[in-house]
């Protein structure tokens, strides 16, 4: 199961007793700030959560899977995420109790 934007909006609205429309606007504004910051090449660090980084991928050799033909893939920018230590600890704190047997 995935956490969706709509679920986040509903949870914040319920927890803080805010109107869903006001909460939606606030979440949309936050996401727009994150997107524009990353698009400009800047990193986004959220204390206790993690860091979104824009990294450059160099041009590289590739292969068309349909034809097997070799080709050069263009360089590009990608966003990576590095989890904060506090979140990593929280995620792993109950690992023994939820691990499949």
N, C-alpha and C. Protein backbone atom coordinates (compact mmCIF):
# COMPACT_ATOMS: atom_id res chain seq x y z
N UNK A 1 0.84 -1.18 0.00
CA UNK A 1 0.00 0.00 0.00
C UNK A 1 0.88 1.24 0.00
N UNK A 2 0.48 2.25 -0.74
CA UNK A 2 1.22 3.50 -0.83
C UNK A 2 0.45 4.63 -0.18
N UNK A 3 1.18 5.55 0.38
CA UNK A 3 0.60 6.76 0.94
C UNK A 3 0.43 7.75 -0.22
N UNK A 4 -0.79 8.21 -0.45
CA UNK A 4 -1.06 9.12 -1.55
C UNK A 4 -1.15 10.56 -1.06
N UNK A 5 -1.06 11.48 -2.01
CA UNK A 5 -1.20 12.90 -1.67
C UNK A 5 -2.56 13.16 -1.03
N UNK A 6 -3.60 12.54 -1.55
CA UNK A 6 -4.94 12.73 -1.01
C UNK A 6 -5.03 12.24 0.44
N UNK A 7 -4.39 11.12 0.73
CA UNK A 7 -4.39 10.59 2.11
C UNK A 7 -3.66 11.54 3.05
N UNK A 8 -2.56 12.10 2.58
CA UNK A 8 -1.80 13.07 3.39
C UNK A 8 -2.68 14.28 3.70
N UNK A 9 -3.35 14.79 2.67
CA UNK A 9 -4.22 15.96 2.85
C UNK A 9 -5.32 15.65 3.87
N UNK A 10 -5.97 14.50 3.73
CA UNK A 10 -7.05 14.12 4.65
C UNK A 10 -6.53 13.98 6.08
N UNK A 11 -5.38 13.36 6.25
CA UNK A 11 -4.82 13.15 7.60
C UNK A 11 -4.47 14.47 8.26
N UNK A 12 -3.82 15.36 7.52
CA UNK A 12 -3.47 16.67 8.08
C UNK A 12 -4.73 17.45 8.43
N UNK A 13 -5.71 17.46 7.53
CA UNK A 13 -6.97 18.18 7.78
C UNK A 13 -7.66 17.65 9.03
N UNK A 14 -7.72 16.34 9.18
CA UNK A 14 -8.36 15.74 10.36
C UNK A 14 -7.57 15.99 11.63
N UNK A 15 -6.24 15.77 11.58
CA UNK A 15 -5.42 15.93 12.79
C UNK A 15 -5.39 17.37 13.29
N UNK A 16 -5.37 18.33 12.37
CA UNK A 16 -5.26 19.73 12.77
C UNK A 16 -6.59 20.48 12.71
N UNK A 17 -7.65 19.74 12.39
CA UNK A 17 -8.99 20.32 12.29
C UNK A 17 -9.01 21.53 11.36
N UNK A 18 -8.45 21.33 10.17
CA UNK A 18 -8.43 22.36 9.14
C UNK A 18 -9.37 21.96 8.02
N UNK A 19 -9.75 22.92 7.21
CA UNK A 19 -10.61 22.60 6.07
C UNK A 19 -9.79 21.83 5.04
N UNK A 20 -10.40 20.84 4.40
CA UNK A 20 -9.68 20.08 3.38
C UNK A 20 -9.17 20.95 2.24
N UNK A 21 -9.92 21.98 1.85
CA UNK A 21 -9.46 22.83 0.74
C UNK A 21 -8.24 23.65 1.13
N UNK A 22 -8.22 24.18 2.36
CA UNK A 22 -7.06 24.93 2.84
C UNK A 22 -5.84 24.00 2.95
N UNK A 23 -6.06 22.82 3.47
CA UNK A 23 -4.98 21.84 3.61
C UNK A 23 -4.43 21.44 2.24
N UNK A 24 -5.33 21.21 1.29
CA UNK A 24 -4.90 20.85 -0.07
C UNK A 24 -4.03 21.95 -0.66
N UNK A 25 -4.45 23.21 -0.52
CA UNK A 25 -3.66 24.32 -1.04
C UNK A 25 -2.27 24.38 -0.40
N UNK A 26 -2.21 24.16 0.91
CA UNK A 26 -0.94 24.19 1.63
C UNK A 26 -0.02 23.06 1.16
N UNK A 27 -0.55 21.85 1.04
CA UNK A 27 0.25 20.71 0.57
C UNK A 27 0.72 20.96 -0.86
N UNK A 28 -0.15 21.47 -1.71
CA UNK A 28 0.23 21.78 -3.10
C UNK A 28 1.34 22.83 -3.14
N UNK A 29 1.24 23.87 -2.27
CA UNK A 29 2.28 24.89 -2.20
C UNK A 29 3.61 24.29 -1.77
N UNK A 30 3.58 23.42 -0.76
CA UNK A 30 4.80 22.76 -0.30
C UNK A 30 5.44 21.94 -1.41
N UNK A 31 4.63 21.16 -2.10
CA UNK A 31 5.16 20.32 -3.18
C UNK A 31 5.72 21.17 -4.32
N UNK A 32 5.10 22.29 -4.60
CA UNK A 32 5.60 23.19 -5.65
C UNK A 32 6.95 23.79 -5.26
N UNK A 33 7.11 24.14 -3.99
CA UNK A 33 8.40 24.64 -3.50
C UNK A 33 9.47 23.57 -3.67
N UNK A 34 9.15 22.33 -3.29
CA UNK A 34 10.11 21.23 -3.43
C UNK A 34 10.48 21.01 -4.89
N UNK A 35 9.48 20.98 -5.78
CA UNK A 35 9.72 20.75 -7.20
C UNK A 35 10.57 21.85 -7.82
N UNK A 36 10.25 23.11 -7.53
CA UNK A 36 11.01 24.21 -8.13
C UNK A 36 12.43 24.27 -7.59
N UNK A 37 12.61 23.93 -6.32
CA UNK A 37 13.96 23.91 -5.74
C UNK A 37 14.80 22.82 -6.40
N UNK A 38 14.25 21.63 -6.55
CA UNK A 38 14.97 20.54 -7.20
C UNK A 38 15.22 20.84 -8.68
N UNK A 39 14.25 21.44 -9.36
CA UNK A 39 14.40 21.77 -10.77
C UNK A 39 15.53 22.77 -10.99
N UNK A 40 15.78 23.63 -9.99
CA UNK A 40 16.86 24.61 -10.10
C UNK A 40 18.22 23.99 -9.76
N UNK A 41 18.23 22.71 -9.38
CA UNK A 41 19.48 22.02 -9.08
C UNK A 41 19.89 22.05 -7.62
N UNK A 42 19.07 22.66 -6.78
CA UNK A 42 19.39 22.73 -5.35
C UNK A 42 18.91 21.48 -4.64
N UNK A 43 19.58 21.13 -3.55
CA UNK A 43 19.16 20.01 -2.71
C UNK A 43 18.06 20.46 -1.76
N UNK A 44 17.27 19.50 -1.29
CA UNK A 44 16.24 19.77 -0.29
C UNK A 44 16.52 18.85 0.89
N UNK A 45 16.81 19.46 2.05
CA UNK A 45 17.08 18.68 3.25
C UNK A 45 15.98 18.94 4.27
N UNK A 46 15.35 17.87 4.73
CA UNK A 46 14.31 17.95 5.74
C UNK A 46 14.84 17.23 6.98
N UNK A 47 15.13 18.01 8.01
CA UNK A 47 15.74 17.49 9.22
C UNK A 47 14.93 16.33 9.79
N UNK A 48 15.61 15.24 10.12
CA UNK A 48 14.95 14.08 10.69
C UNK A 48 14.27 13.19 9.68
N UNK A 49 14.25 13.60 8.40
CA UNK A 49 13.60 12.83 7.35
C UNK A 49 14.62 12.38 6.31
N UNK A 50 15.28 13.34 5.68
CA UNK A 50 16.28 12.98 4.69
C UNK A 50 16.60 14.12 3.75
N UNK A 51 17.40 13.80 2.72
CA UNK A 51 17.87 14.80 1.79
C UNK A 51 17.62 14.34 0.36
N UNK A 52 16.94 15.18 -0.41
CA UNK A 52 16.75 14.95 -1.83
C UNK A 52 17.88 15.69 -2.55
N UNK A 53 18.61 14.98 -3.40
CA UNK A 53 19.74 15.57 -4.11
C UNK A 53 19.56 15.41 -5.61
N UNK A 54 19.94 16.46 -6.34
CA UNK A 54 19.96 16.39 -7.79
C UNK A 54 21.38 16.02 -8.20
N UNK A 55 21.52 14.93 -8.94
CA UNK A 55 22.84 14.50 -9.40
C UNK A 55 22.83 14.40 -10.92
N UNK A 56 24.01 14.60 -11.49
CA UNK A 56 24.18 14.53 -12.94
C UNK A 56 24.59 13.12 -13.34
N UNK A 57 23.90 12.56 -14.32
CA UNK A 57 24.28 11.27 -14.90
C UNK A 57 24.96 11.57 -16.22
N UNK A 58 26.11 11.01 -16.43
CA UNK A 58 26.87 11.25 -17.65
C UNK A 58 26.25 10.49 -18.83
N UNK A 59 26.60 10.94 -20.03
CA UNK A 59 26.21 10.21 -21.23
C UNK A 59 26.81 8.81 -21.14
N UNK A 60 26.08 7.80 -21.62
CA UNK A 60 26.60 6.44 -21.52
C UNK A 60 26.09 5.59 -22.68
N UNK A 61 26.76 4.47 -22.88
CA UNK A 61 26.34 3.53 -23.92
C UNK A 61 25.13 2.76 -23.42
N UNK A 62 24.21 2.50 -24.33
CA UNK A 62 23.03 1.71 -24.00
C UNK A 62 22.68 0.81 -25.17
N UNK A 63 21.60 0.10 -25.01
CA UNK A 63 21.16 -0.82 -26.06
C UNK A 63 19.64 -0.76 -26.15
N UNK A 64 19.14 -0.67 -27.38
CA UNK A 64 17.71 -0.70 -27.60
C UNK A 64 17.23 -2.13 -27.33
N UNK A 65 16.38 -2.35 -26.34
CA UNK A 65 15.97 -3.72 -26.00
C UNK A 65 15.16 -4.40 -27.11
N UNK A 66 14.49 -3.62 -27.93
CA UNK A 66 13.66 -4.21 -28.99
C UNK A 66 14.52 -4.71 -30.16
N UNK A 67 15.57 -3.94 -30.50
CA UNK A 67 16.37 -4.28 -31.67
C UNK A 67 17.76 -4.80 -31.34
N UNK A 68 18.22 -4.54 -30.12
CA UNK A 68 19.58 -4.93 -29.74
C UNK A 68 20.64 -3.95 -30.25
N UNK A 69 20.20 -2.89 -30.92
CA UNK A 69 21.10 -1.90 -31.49
C UNK A 69 21.76 -1.06 -30.39
N UNK A 70 23.09 -0.85 -30.49
CA UNK A 70 23.80 0.00 -29.55
C UNK A 70 23.46 1.46 -29.82
N UNK A 71 23.43 2.25 -28.75
CA UNK A 71 23.14 3.67 -28.89
C UNK A 71 23.75 4.42 -27.72
N UNK A 72 23.88 5.72 -27.87
CA UNK A 72 24.37 6.56 -26.78
C UNK A 72 23.16 7.21 -26.10
N UNK A 73 23.10 7.06 -24.81
CA UNK A 73 22.03 7.68 -24.02
C UNK A 73 22.53 9.03 -23.53
N UNK A 74 21.69 10.04 -23.63
CA UNK A 74 22.05 11.39 -23.23
C UNK A 74 22.28 11.47 -21.72
N UNK A 75 23.12 12.42 -21.33
CA UNK A 75 23.29 12.72 -19.92
C UNK A 75 21.99 13.31 -19.39
N UNK A 76 21.78 13.17 -18.10
CA UNK A 76 20.54 13.68 -17.52
C UNK A 76 20.73 13.95 -16.05
N UNK A 77 19.79 14.67 -15.49
CA UNK A 77 19.78 14.92 -14.04
C UNK A 77 18.74 14.02 -13.41
N UNK A 78 19.07 13.46 -12.26
CA UNK A 78 18.14 12.61 -11.53
C UNK A 78 18.09 13.07 -10.07
N UNK A 79 16.99 12.74 -9.41
CA UNK A 79 16.84 13.06 -7.99
C UNK A 79 17.05 11.78 -7.21
N UNK A 80 17.92 11.86 -6.22
CA UNK A 80 18.14 10.72 -5.32
C UNK A 80 17.73 11.15 -3.91
N UNK A 81 17.49 10.17 -3.06
CA UNK A 81 17.08 10.44 -1.69
C UNK A 81 17.99 9.70 -0.74
N UNK A 82 18.51 10.42 0.24
CA UNK A 82 19.30 9.79 1.29
C UNK A 82 18.55 9.98 2.61
N UNK A 83 18.18 8.86 3.21
CA UNK A 83 17.38 8.89 4.43
C UNK A 83 18.22 9.39 5.61
N UNK A 84 17.59 10.17 6.49
CA UNK A 84 18.25 10.67 7.70
C UNK A 84 18.42 9.53 8.70
N UNK A 85 19.42 9.64 9.53
CA UNK A 85 19.70 8.62 10.53
C UNK A 85 18.53 8.35 11.45
N UNK A 86 17.85 9.43 11.89
CA UNK A 86 16.70 9.25 12.80
C UNK A 86 15.59 8.44 12.14
N UNK A 87 15.31 8.72 10.87
CA UNK A 87 14.27 7.97 10.17
C UNK A 87 14.70 6.54 9.93
N UNK A 88 15.97 6.36 9.57
CA UNK A 88 16.50 5.02 9.35
C UNK A 88 16.36 4.18 10.62
N UNK A 89 16.70 4.78 11.76
CA UNK A 89 16.56 4.08 13.04
C UNK A 89 15.10 3.72 13.32
N UNK A 90 14.20 4.66 13.03
CA UNK A 90 12.77 4.41 13.28
C UNK A 90 12.25 3.29 12.38
N UNK A 91 12.66 3.29 11.13
CA UNK A 91 12.23 2.25 10.20
C UNK A 91 12.73 0.89 10.65
N UNK A 92 13.95 0.84 11.14
CA UNK A 92 14.57 -0.43 11.51
C UNK A 92 14.33 -0.83 12.96
N UNK A 93 13.64 -0.02 13.74
CA UNK A 93 13.47 -0.33 15.17
C UNK A 93 12.62 -1.56 15.41
N UNK A 94 11.69 -1.87 14.53
CA UNK A 94 10.82 -3.04 14.73
C UNK A 94 11.06 -4.10 13.67
N UNK A 95 12.23 -4.14 13.09
CA UNK A 95 12.48 -5.04 11.97
C UNK A 95 12.33 -6.51 12.36
N UNK A 96 12.72 -6.86 13.56
CA UNK A 96 12.61 -8.26 13.99
C UNK A 96 11.15 -8.73 14.12
N UNK A 97 10.28 -7.78 14.53
CA UNK A 97 8.88 -8.18 14.74
C UNK A 97 8.07 -8.24 13.45
N UNK A 98 8.56 -7.64 12.35
CA UNK A 98 7.81 -7.65 11.10
C UNK A 98 8.49 -8.46 10.00
N UNK A 99 9.64 -9.03 10.29
CA UNK A 99 10.36 -9.80 9.27
C UNK A 99 9.60 -11.09 8.97
N UNK A 100 9.53 -11.46 7.68
CA UNK A 100 8.85 -12.72 7.32
C UNK A 100 9.61 -13.92 7.88
N UNK A 101 8.89 -14.95 8.22
CA UNK A 101 9.53 -16.15 8.80
C UNK A 101 9.45 -17.31 7.86
